[in-house]
């Protein structure tokens, strides 16, 4: 069965008449919004990473050829100069940081 659609004015007049007669027109049940539970954070805690500094000897292709402790800068420079003379291409020293794995 199709319902007859009433205009807003007709609905208002019907509602006013029902209030004047003392009877209220039954209203449709309104949906009650449920409060949402707070969303859990998906953020992962980054693991603490410790780094240690070294001196690396590199060639022109950025290939690391030797690794020295940070306190051994003179030995790293000496190794770089020896490789430069031997291979006739420049070698250089630069700091390298590597991850320390804790056990």
PDB file of N, CA and C in Angstrom:
ATOM      1  N   UNK A   1       0.816  -1.158   0.000  1.00  0.00           N
ATOM      2  CA  UNK A   1       0.000   0.000   0.000  1.00  0.00           C
ATOM      3  C   UNK A   1       0.876   1.243   0.000  1.00  0.00           C
ATOM      4  N   UNK A   2       0.529   2.147  -0.823  1.00  0.00           N
ATOM      5  CA  UNK A   2       1.288   3.378  -0.893  1.00  0.00           C
ATOM      6  C   UNK A   2       0.738   4.370   0.113  1.00  0.00           C
ATOM      7  N   UNK A   3       1.622   5.050   0.789  1.00  0.00           N
ATOM      8  CA  UNK A   3       1.201   6.072   1.742  1.00  0.00           C
ATOM      9  C   UNK A   3       0.971   7.380   1.017  1.00  0.00           C
ATOM     10  N   UNK A   4       0.028   8.115   1.493  1.00  0.00           N
ATOM     11  CA  UNK A   4      -0.238   9.417   0.910  1.00  0.00           C
ATOM     12  C   UNK A   4       0.803  10.381   1.485  1.00  0.00           C
ATOM     13  N   UNK A   5       1.524  11.078   0.607  1.00  0.00           N
ATOM     14  CA  UNK A   5       2.518  12.033   1.060  1.00  0.00           C
ATOM     15  C   UNK A   5       1.842  13.345   1.394  1.00  0.00           C
ATOM     16  N   UNK A   6       2.106  13.831   2.566  1.00  0.00           N
ATOM     17  CA  UNK A   6       1.510  15.078   3.018  1.00  0.00           C
ATOM     18  C   UNK A   6       2.546  16.191   2.960  1.00  0.00           C
ATOM     19  N   UNK A   7       2.060  17.393   2.699  1.00  0.00           N
ATOM     20  CA  UNK A   7       2.981  18.519   2.687  1.00  0.00           C
ATOM     21  C   UNK A   7       3.332  18.893   4.120  1.00  0.00           C
ATOM     22  N   UNK A   8       4.285  19.761   4.256  1.00  0.00           N
ATOM     23  CA  UNK A   8       4.738  20.173   5.562  1.00  0.00           C
ATOM     24  C   UNK A   8       3.629  20.932   6.312  1.00  0.00           C
ATOM     25  N   UNK A   9       2.894  21.746   5.580  1.00  0.00           N
ATOM     26  CA  UNK A   9       1.797  22.493   6.205  1.00  0.00           C
ATOM     27  C   UNK A   9       0.711  21.553   6.718  1.00  0.00           C
ATOM     28  N   UNK A  10       0.391  20.530   5.930  1.00  0.00           N
ATOM     29  CA  UNK A  10      -0.640  19.573   6.343  1.00  0.00           C
ATOM     30  C   UNK A  10      -0.191  18.786   7.571  1.00  0.00           C
ATOM     31  N   UNK A  11       1.090  18.396   7.586  1.00  0.00           N
ATOM     32  CA  UNK A  11       1.614  17.670   8.748  1.00  0.00           C
ATOM     33  C   UNK A  11       1.574  18.544   9.991  1.00  0.00           C
ATOM     34  N   UNK A  12       1.903  19.831   9.831  1.00  0.00           N
ATOM     35  CA  UNK A  12       1.892  20.757  10.954  1.00  0.00           C
ATOM     36  C   UNK A  12       0.476  20.928  11.497  1.00  0.00           C
ATOM     37  N   UNK A  13      -0.503  21.093  10.573  1.00  0.00           N
ATOM     38  CA  UNK A  13      -1.900  21.260  10.998  1.00  0.00           C
ATOM     39  C   UNK A  13      -2.392  20.012  11.718  1.00  0.00           C
ATOM     40  N   UNK A  14      -2.010  18.837  11.246  1.00  0.00           N
ATOM     41  CA  UNK A  14      -2.415  17.573  11.873  1.00  0.00           C
ATOM     42  C   UNK A  14      -1.822  17.461  13.269  1.00  0.00           C
ATOM     43  N   UNK A  15      -0.582  17.878  13.405  1.00  0.00           N
ATOM     44  CA  UNK A  15       0.100  17.811  14.694  1.00  0.00           C
ATOM     45  C   UNK A  15      -0.522  18.788  15.685  1.00  0.00           C
ATOM     46  N   UNK A  16      -0.838  20.006  15.219  1.00  0.00           N
ATOM     47  CA  UNK A  16      -1.461  21.002  16.095  1.00  0.00           C
ATOM     48  C   UNK A  16      -2.845  20.525  16.560  1.00  0.00           C
ATOM     49  N   UNK A  17      -3.589  19.906  15.653  1.00  0.00           N
ATOM     50  CA  UNK A  17      -4.913  19.408  16.010  1.00  0.00           C
ATOM     51  C   UNK A  17      -4.812  18.305  17.048  1.00  0.00           C
ATOM     52  N   UNK A  18      -3.824  17.444  16.942  1.00  0.00           N
ATOM     53  CA  UNK A  18      -3.639  16.358  17.896  1.00  0.00           C
ATOM     54  C   UNK A  18      -3.252  16.904  19.255  1.00  0.00           C
ATOM     55  N   UNK A  19      -2.409  17.947  19.305  1.00  0.00           N
ATOM     56  CA  UNK A  19      -2.016  18.549  20.577  1.00  0.00           C
ATOM     57  C   UNK A  19      -3.215  19.223  21.238  1.00  0.00           C
ATOM     58  N   UNK A  20      -4.061  19.903  20.431  1.00  0.00           N
ATOM     59  CA  UNK A  20      -5.238  20.592  20.978  1.00  0.00           C
ATOM     60  C   UNK A  20      -6.232  19.585  21.554  1.00  0.00           C
ATOM     61  N   UNK A  21      -6.337  18.423  20.949  1.00  0.00           N
ATOM     62  CA  UNK A  21      -7.275  17.409  21.422  1.00  0.00           C
ATOM     63  C   UNK A  21      -6.738  16.701  22.653  1.00  0.00           C
ATOM     64  N   UNK A  22      -5.448  16.904  22.965  1.00  0.00           N
ATOM     65  CA  UNK A  22      -4.866  16.276  24.147  1.00  0.00           C
ATOM     66  C   UNK A  22      -4.246  14.924  23.868  1.00  0.00           C
ATOM     67  N   UNK A  23      -4.318  14.485  22.684  1.00  0.00           N
ATOM     68  CA  UNK A  23      -3.677  13.218  22.341  1.00  0.00           C
ATOM     69  C   UNK A  23      -2.496  13.508  21.428  1.00  0.00           C
ATOM     70  N   UNK A  24      -1.468  12.805  21.692  1.00  0.00           N
ATOM     71  CA  UNK A  24      -0.288  13.000  20.855  1.00  0.00           C
ATOM     72  C   UNK A  24      -0.218  11.923  19.801  1.00  0.00           C
ATOM     73  N   UNK A  25       0.221  12.330  18.671  1.00  0.00           N
ATOM     74  CA  UNK A  25       0.412  11.402  17.571  1.00  0.00           C
ATOM     75  C   UNK A  25       1.653  10.552  17.887  1.00  0.00           C
ATOM     76  N   UNK A  26       1.548   9.246  17.720  1.00  0.00           N
ATOM     77  CA  UNK A  26       2.730   8.425  18.023  1.00  0.00           C
ATOM     78  C   UNK A  26       3.889   8.783  17.090  1.00  0.00           C
ATOM     79  N   UNK A  27       5.019   8.981  17.697  1.00  0.00           N
ATOM     80  CA  UNK A  27       6.206   9.344  16.922  1.00  0.00           C
ATOM     81  C   UNK A  27       7.053   8.114  16.652  1.00  0.00           C
ATOM     82  N   UNK A  28       7.799   8.209  15.564  1.00  0.00           N
ATOM     83  CA  UNK A  28       8.710   7.112  15.228  1.00  0.00           C
ATOM     84  C   UNK A  28       9.886   7.127  16.204  1.00  0.00           C
ATOM     85  N   UNK A  29      10.356   5.968  16.508  1.00  0.00           N
ATOM     86  CA  UNK A  29      11.497   5.874  17.411  1.00  0.00           C
ATOM     87  C   UNK A  29      12.746   6.367  16.699  1.00  0.00           C
ATOM     88  N   UNK A  30      13.422   7.295  17.313  1.00  0.00           N
ATOM     89  CA  UNK A  30      14.649   7.837  16.724  1.00  0.00           C
ATOM     90  C   UNK A  30      15.810   6.914  17.070  1.00  0.00           C
ATOM     91  N   UNK A  31      16.735   6.838  16.148  1.00  0.00           N
ATOM     92  CA  UNK A  31      17.915   6.013  16.396  1.00  0.00           C
ATOM     93  C   UNK A  31      18.819   6.729  17.382  1.00  0.00           C
ATOM     94  N   UNK A  32      19.266   5.991  18.362  1.00  0.00           N
ATOM     95  CA  UNK A  32      20.153   6.555  19.362  1.00  0.00           C
ATOM     96  C   UNK A  32      21.576   6.168  18.986  1.00  0.00           C
ATOM     97  N   UNK A  33      22.410   7.175  18.856  1.00  0.00           N
ATOM     98  CA  UNK A  33      23.801   6.919  18.490  1.00  0.00           C
ATOM     99  C   UNK A  33      24.549   6.354  19.695  1.00  0.00           C
ATOM    100  N   UNK A  34      25.210   5.241  19.479  1.00  0.00           N
ATOM    101  CA  UNK A  34      25.989   4.625  20.545  1.00  0.00           C
ATOM    102  C   UNK A  34      27.350   5.311  20.605  1.00  0.00           C
ATOM    103  N   UNK A  35      27.849   5.539  21.801  1.00  0.00           N
ATOM    104  CA  UNK A  35      29.181   6.145  21.887  1.00  0.00           C
ATOM    105  C   UNK A  35      30.232   5.144  21.406  1.00  0.00           C
ATOM    106  N   UNK A  36      31.133   5.636  20.602  1.00  0.00           N
ATOM    107  CA  UNK A  36      32.185   4.754  20.072  1.00  0.00           C
ATOM    108  C   UNK A  36      33.276   4.543  21.103  1.00  0.00           C
ATOM    109  N   UNK A  37      33.837   3.367  21.049  1.00  0.00           N
ATOM    110  CA  UNK A  37      34.965   3.069  21.920  1.00  0.00           C
ATOM    111  C   UNK A  37      36.184   3.800  21.364  1.00  0.00           C
ATOM    112  N   UNK A  38      37.063   4.288  22.220  1.00  0.00           N
ATOM    113  CA  UNK A  38      38.240   4.988  21.712  1.00  0.00           C
ATOM    114  C   UNK A  38      39.099   4.049  20.861  1.00  0.00           C
ATOM    115  N   UNK A  39      39.604   4.589  19.770  1.00  0.00           N
ATOM    116  CA  UNK A  39      40.383   3.790  18.836  1.00  0.00           C
ATOM    117  C   UNK A  39      41.763   3.509  19.420  1.00  0.00           C
ATOM    118  N   UNK A  40      42.191   2.263  19.277  1.00  0.00           N
ATOM    119  CA  UNK A  40      43.495   1.890  19.797  1.00  0.00           C
ATOM    120  C   UNK A  40      44.577   2.397  18.856  1.00  0.00           C
ATOM    121  N   UNK A  41      45.648   2.827  19.423  1.00  0.00           N
ATOM    122  CA  UNK A  41      46.749   3.365  18.638  1.00  0.00           C
ATOM    123  C   UNK A  41      47.491   2.226  17.948  1.00  0.00           C
ATOM    124  N   UNK A  42      47.814   2.446  16.686  1.00  0.00           N
ATOM    125  CA  UNK A  42      48.560   1.428  15.937  1.00  0.00           C
ATOM    126  C   UNK A  42      50.039   1.763  15.862  1.00  0.00           C
ATOM    127  N   UNK A  43      50.408   2.835  16.493  1.00  0.00           N
ATOM    128  CA  UNK A  43      51.792   3.293  16.430  1.00  0.00           C
ATOM    129  C   UNK A  43      52.705   2.284  17.142  1.00  0.00           C
ATOM    130  N   UNK A  44      53.724   1.846  16.444  1.00  0.00           N
ATOM    131  CA  UNK A  44      54.662   0.910  17.040  1.00  0.00           C
ATOM    132  C   UNK A  44      55.825   1.692  17.628  1.00  0.00           C
ATOM    133  N   UNK A  45      56.325   1.194  18.704  1.00  0.00           N
ATOM    134  CA  UNK A  45      57.441   1.845  19.357  1.00  0.00           C
ATOM    135  C   UNK A  45      58.718   1.428  18.641  1.00  0.00           C
ATOM    136  N   UNK A  46      59.485   2.414  18.221  1.00  0.00           N
ATOM    137  CA  UNK A  46      60.730   2.135  17.519  1.00  0.00           C
ATOM    138  C   UNK A  46      61.743   1.559  18.504  1.00  0.00           C
ATOM    139  N   UNK A  47      62.398   0.500  18.076  1.00  0.00           N
ATOM    140  CA  UNK A  47      63.411  -0.117  18.918  1.00  0.00           C
ATOM    141  C   UNK A  47      64.624   0.805  18.993  1.00  0.00           C
ATOM    142  N   UNK A  48      65.237   0.841  20.140  1.00  0.00           N
ATOM    143  CA  UNK A  48      66.399   1.692  20.318  1.00  0.00           C
ATOM    144  C   UNK A  48      67.578   1.085  19.560  1.00  0.00           C
ATOM    145  N   UNK A  49      68.150   1.872  18.659  1.00  0.00           N
ATOM    146  CA  UNK A  49      69.259   1.401  17.841  1.00  0.00           C
ATOM    147  C   UNK A  49      70.512   2.144  18.265  1.00  0.00           C
ATOM    148  N   UNK A  50      71.545   1.395  18.540  1.00  0.00           N
ATOM    149  CA  UNK A  50      72.823   2.009  18.915  1.00  0.00           C
ATOM    150  C   UNK A  50      73.779   1.913  17.743  1.00  0.00           C
ATOM    151  N   UNK A  51      74.497   2.996  17.496  1.00  0.00           N
ATOM    152  CA  UNK A  51      75.448   3.057  16.388  1.00  0.00           C
ATOM    153  C   UNK A  51      76.857   3.246  16.928  1.00  0.00           C
ATOM    154  N   UNK A  52      77.814   2.755  16.167  1.00  0.00           N
ATOM    155  CA  UNK A  52      79.217   2.930  16.500  1.00  0.00           C
ATOM    156  C   UNK A  52      79.913   3.514  15.287  1.00  0.00           C
ATOM    157  N   UNK A  53      80.815   4.467  15.511  1.00  0.00           N
ATOM    158  CA  UNK A  53      81.506   5.136  14.415  1.00  0.00           C
ATOM    159  C   UNK A  53      82.812   4.420  14.085  1.00  0.00           C
ATOM    160  N   UNK A  54      83.098   4.315  12.794  1.00  0.00           N
ATOM    161  CA  UNK A  54      84.332   3.734  12.275  1.00  0.00           C
ATOM    162  C   UNK A  54      84.871   4.663  11.191  1.00  0.00           C
ATOM    163  N   UNK A  55      86.100   4.414  10.740  1.00  0.00           N
ATOM    164  CA  UNK A  55      86.634   5.074   9.551  1.00  0.00           C
ATOM    165  C   UNK A  55      86.666   4.046   8.437  1.00  0.00           C
ATOM    166  N   UNK A  56      86.095   4.394   7.306  1.00  0.00           N
ATOM    167  CA  UNK A  56      86.088   3.499   6.162  1.00  0.00           C
ATOM    168  C   UNK A  56      86.967   4.046   5.054  1.00  0.00           C
ATOM    169  N   UNK A  57      87.688   3.162   4.394  1.00  0.00           N
ATOM    170  CA  UNK A  57      88.501   3.534   3.237  1.00  0.00           C
ATOM    171  C   UNK A  57      87.719   3.121   2.001  1.00  0.00           C
ATOM    172  N   UNK A  58      87.482   4.089   1.097  1.00  0.00           N
ATOM    173  CA  UNK A  58      86.642   3.869  -0.079  1.00  0.00           C
ATOM    174  C   UNK A  58      87.410   4.180  -1.355  1.00  0.00           C
ATOM    175  N   UNK A  59      86.983   3.520  -2.463  1.00  0.00           N
ATOM    176  CA  UNK A  59      87.536   3.866  -3.766  1.00  0.00           C
ATOM    177  C   UNK A  59      86.581   4.805  -4.484  1.00  0.00           C
ATOM    178  N   UNK A  60      86.866   5.102  -5.759  1.00  0.00           N
ATOM    179  CA  UNK A  60      86.031   6.039  -6.500  1.00  0.00           C
ATOM    180  C   UNK A  60      84.603   5.539  -6.692  1.00  0.00           C
ATOM    181  N   UNK A  61      84.406   4.244  -6.702  1.00  0.00           N
ATOM    182  CA  UNK A  61      83.078   3.660  -6.896  1.00  0.00           C
ATOM    183  C   UNK A  61      82.292   3.561  -5.584  1.00  0.00           C
ATOM    184  N   UNK A  62      82.824   4.174  -4.541  1.00  0.00           N
ATOM    185  CA  UNK A  62      82.228   4.154  -3.202  1.00  0.00           C
ATOM    186  C   UNK A  62      82.161   2.750  -2.614  1.00  0.00           C
ATOM    187  N   UNK A  63      83.055   1.904  -3.031  1.00  0.00           N
ATOM    188  CA  UNK A  63      83.141   0.562  -2.462  1.00  0.00           C
ATOM    189  C   UNK A  63      84.066   0.627  -1.253  1.00  0.00           C
ATOM    190  N   UNK A  64      83.574   0.138  -0.112  1.00  0.00           N
ATOM    191  CA  UNK A  64      84.391   0.168   1.093  1.00  0.00           C
ATOM    192  C   UNK A  64      85.425  -0.941   1.024  1.00  0.00           C
ATOM    193  N   UNK A  65      86.697  -0.556   1.154  1.00  0.00           N
ATOM    194  CA  UNK A  65      87.794  -1.523   1.041  1.00  0.00           C
ATOM    195  C   UNK A  65      88.366  -1.909   2.398  1.00  0.00           C
ATOM    196  N   UNK A  66      88.287  -1.018   3.363  1.00  0.00           N
ATOM    197  CA  UNK A  66      88.831  -1.310   4.689  1.00  0.00           C
ATOM    198  C   UNK A  66      88.014  -0.560   5.732  1.00  0.00           C
ATOM    199  N   UNK A  67      88.052  -1.080   6.951  1.00  0.00           N
ATOM    200  CA  UNK A  67      87.309  -0.477   8.056  1.00  0.00           C
ATOM    201  C   UNK A  67      88.232  -0.412   9.263  1.00  0.00           C
ATOM    202  N   UNK A  68      88.311   0.773   9.885  1.00  0.00           N
ATOM    203  CA  UNK A  68      89.190   0.984  11.032  1.00  0.00           C
ATOM    204  C   UNK A  68      88.373   1.544  12.190  1.00  0.00           C
ATOM    205  N   UNK A  69      88.813   1.268  13.404  1.00  0.00           N
ATOM    206  CA  UNK A  69      88.172   1.848  14.586  1.00  0.00           C
ATOM    207  C   UNK A  69      88.283   3.367  14.504  1.00  0.00           C
ATOM    208  N   UNK A  70      87.414   4.050  15.214  1.00  0.00           N
ATOM    209  CA  UNK A  70      87.373   5.506  15.123  1.00  0.00           C
ATOM    210  C   UNK A  70      88.669   6.131  15.640  1.00  0.00           C
ATOM    211  N   UNK A  71      89.327   5.497  16.571  1.00  0.00           N
ATOM    212  CA  UNK A  71      90.573   6.034  17.132  1.00  0.00           C
ATOM    213  C   UNK A  71      91.770   5.800  16.209  1.00  0.00           C
ATOM    214  N   UNK A  72      91.591   5.058  15.127  1.00  0.00           N
ATOM    215  CA  UNK A  72      92.697   4.709  14.218  1.00  0.00           C
ATOM    216  C   UNK A  72      92.635   5.509  12.908  1.00  0.00           C
ATOM    217  N   UNK A  73      92.420   6.803  13.002  1.00  0.00           N
ATOM    218  CA  UNK A  73      92.302   7.650  11.802  1.00  0.00           C
ATOM    219  C   UNK A  73      93.620   7.676  11.014  1.00  0.00           C
ATOM    220  N   UNK A  74      94.759   7.721  11.695  1.00  0.00           N
ATOM    221  CA  UNK A  74      96.061   7.787  11.002  1.00  0.00           C
ATOM    222  C   UNK A  74      96.296   6.530  10.166  1.00  0.00           C
ATOM    223  N   UNK A  75      95.950   5.361  10.708  1.00  0.00           N
ATOM    224  CA  UNK A  75      96.119   4.119   9.954  1.00  0.00           C
ATOM    225  C   UNK A  75      95.188   4.104   8.737  1.00  0.00           C
ATOM    226  N   UNK A  76      93.996   4.615   8.874  1.00  0.00           N
ATOM    227  CA  UNK A  76      93.053   4.660   7.756  1.00  0.00           C
ATOM    228  C   UNK A  76      93.563   5.580   6.655  1.00  0.00           C
ATOM    229  N   UNK A  77      94.113   6.742   7.028  1.00  0.00           N
ATOM    230  CA  UNK A  77      94.686   7.660   6.032  1.00  0.00           C
ATOM    231  C   UNK A  77      95.880   7.021   5.329  1.00  0.00           C
ATOM    232  N   UNK A  78      96.701   6.306   6.086  1.00  0.00           N
ATOM    233  CA  UNK A  78      97.874   5.640   5.515  1.00  0.00           C
ATOM    234  C   UNK A  78      97.440   4.577   4.504  1.00  0.00           C
ATOM    235  N   UNK A  79      96.422   3.785   4.850  1.00  0.00           N
ATOM    236  CA  UNK A  79      95.900   2.742   3.960  1.00  0.00           C
ATOM    237  C   UNK A  79      95.332   3.365   2.684  1.00  0.00           C
ATOM    238  N   UNK A  80      94.632   4.480   2.814  1.00  0.00           N
ATOM    239  CA  UNK A  80      94.058   5.152   1.646  1.00  0.00           C
ATOM    240  C   UNK A  80      95.160   5.656   0.718  1.00  0.00           C
ATOM    241  N   UNK A  81      96.234   6.224   1.273  1.00  0.00           N
ATOM    242  CA  UNK A  81      97.330   6.723   0.423  1.00  0.00           C
ATOM    243  C   UNK A  81      98.068   5.569  -0.256  1.00  0.00           C
ATOM    244  N   UNK A  82      98.231   4.437   0.450  1.00  0.00           N
ATOM    245  CA  UNK A  82      98.883   3.263  -0.158  1.00  0.00           C
ATOM    246  C   UNK A  82      98.050   2.737  -1.339  1.00  0.00           C
ATOM    247  N   UNK A  83      96.752   2.639  -1.152  1.00  0.00           N
ATOM    248  CA  UNK A  83      95.876   2.151  -2.224  1.00  0.00           C
ATOM    249  C   UNK A  83      95.839   3.126  -3.405  1.00  0.00           C
ATOM    250  N   UNK A  84      95.922   4.424  -3.122  1.00  0.00           N
ATOM    251  CA  UNK A  84      95.930   5.425  -4.189  1.00  0.00           C
ATOM    252  C   UNK A  84      97.182   5.262  -5.051  1.00  0.00           C
ATOM    253  N   UNK A  85      98.326   5.056  -4.388  1.00  0.00           N
ATOM    254  CA  UNK A  85      99.579   4.877  -5.135  1.00  0.00           C
ATOM    255  C   UNK A  85      99.590   3.548  -5.899  1.00  0.00           C
ATOM    256  N   UNK A  86      99.095   2.501  -5.287  1.00  0.00           N
ATOM    257  CA  UNK A  86      99.132   1.165  -5.882  1.00  0.00           C
ATOM    258  C   UNK A  86      98.194   1.051  -7.091  1.00  0.00           C
ATOM    259  N   UNK A  87      96.959   1.536  -6.956  1.00  0.00           N
ATOM    260  CA  UNK A  87      95.964   1.372  -8.016  1.00  0.00           C
ATOM    261  C   UNK A  87      95.857   2.572  -8.945  1.00  0.00           C
ATOM    262  N   UNK A  88      96.575   3.631  -8.645  1.00  0.00           N
ATOM    263  CA  UNK A  88      96.611   4.820  -9.483  1.00  0.00           C
ATOM    264  C   UNK A  88      95.206   5.443  -9.651  1.00  0.00           C
ATOM    265  N   UNK A  89      94.374   5.310  -8.647  1.00  0.00           N
ATOM    266  CA  UNK A  89      93.075   5.974  -8.619  1.00  0.00           C
ATOM    267  C   UNK A  89      92.842   6.450  -7.186  1.00  0.00           C
ATOM    268  N   UNK A  90      92.127   7.554  -7.013  1.00  0.00           N
ATOM    269  CA  UNK A  90      91.990   8.116  -5.661  1.00  0.00           C
ATOM    270  C   UNK A  90      91.167   7.236  -4.724  1.00  0.00           C
ATOM    271  N   UNK A  91      91.676   7.124  -3.513  1.00  0.00           N
ATOM    272  CA  UNK A  91      90.969   6.456  -2.418  1.00  0.00           C
ATOM    273  C   UNK A  91      90.850   7.465  -1.296  1.00  0.00           C
ATOM    274  N   UNK A  92      89.781   7.382  -0.526  1.00  0.00           N
ATOM    275  CA  UNK A  92      89.560   8.379   0.518  1.00  0.00           C
ATOM    276  C   UNK A  92      88.993   7.722   1.765  1.00  0.00           C
ATOM    277  N   UNK A  93      89.046   8.505   2.849  1.00  0.00           N
ATOM    278  CA  UNK A  93      88.571   8.050   4.160  1.00  0.00           C
ATOM    279  C   UNK A  93      87.345   8.870   4.529  1.00  0.00           C
ATOM    280  N   UNK A  94      86.335   8.180   5.039  1.00  0.00           N
ATOM    281  CA  UNK A  94      85.160   8.903   5.533  1.00  0.00           C
ATOM    282  C   UNK A  94      84.551   8.127   6.684  1.00  0.00           C
ATOM    283  N   UNK A  95      83.860   8.841   7.576  1.00  0.00           N
ATOM    284  CA  UNK A  95      83.261   8.160   8.736  1.00  0.00           C
ATOM    285  C   UNK A  95      82.089   7.262   8.321  1.00  0.00           C
ATOM    286  N   UNK A  96      81.991   6.122   9.015  1.00  0.00           N
ATOM    287  CA  UNK A  96      80.929   5.147   8.765  1.00  0.00           C
ATOM    288  C   UNK A  96      80.291   4.827  10.108  1.00  0.00           C
ATOM    289  N   UNK A  97      78.953   4.790  10.142  1.00  0.00           N
ATOM    290  CA  UNK A  97      78.253   4.409  11.377  1.00  0.00           C
ATOM    291  C   UNK A  97      77.571   3.076  11.145  1.00  0.00           C
ATOM    292  N   UNK A  98      77.823   2.142  12.040  1.00  0.00           N
ATOM    293  CA  UNK A  98      77.229   0.812  11.931  1.00  0.00           C
ATOM    294  C   UNK A  98      76.431   0.480  13.174  1.00  0.00           C
ATOM    295  N   UNK A  99      75.408  -0.322  13.011  1.00  0.00           N
ATOM    296  CA  UNK A  99      74.528  -0.724  14.115  1.00  0.00           C
ATOM    297  C   UNK A  99      75.245  -1.732  15.002  1.00  0.00           C
ATOM    298  N   UNK A 100      75.140  -1.503  16.282  1.00  0.00           N
ATOM    299  CA  UNK A 100      75.677  -2.459  17.257  1.00  0.00           C
ATOM    300  C   UNK A 100      74.556  -3.384  17.659  1.00  0.00           C
ATOM    301  N   UNK A 101      74.731  -4.664  17.492  1.00  0.00           N
ATOM    302  CA  UNK A 101      73.703  -5.632  17.885  1.00  0.00           C
ATOM    303  C   UNK A 101      73.939  -6.054  19.325  1.00  0.00           C
ATOM    304  N   UNK A 102      72.946  -5.809  20.150  1.00  0.00           N
ATOM    305  CA  UNK A 102      73.061  -6.178  21.555  1.00  0.00           C
ATOM    306  C   UNK A 102      72.578  -7.599  21.762  1.00  0.00           C
ATOM    307  N   UNK A 103      73.226  -8.307  22.647  1.00  0.00           N
ATOM    308  CA  UNK A 103      72.880  -9.705  22.892  1.00  0.00           C
ATOM    309  C   UNK A 103      72.372  -9.901  24.262  1.00  0.00           C
TER     310      UNK A 103
END
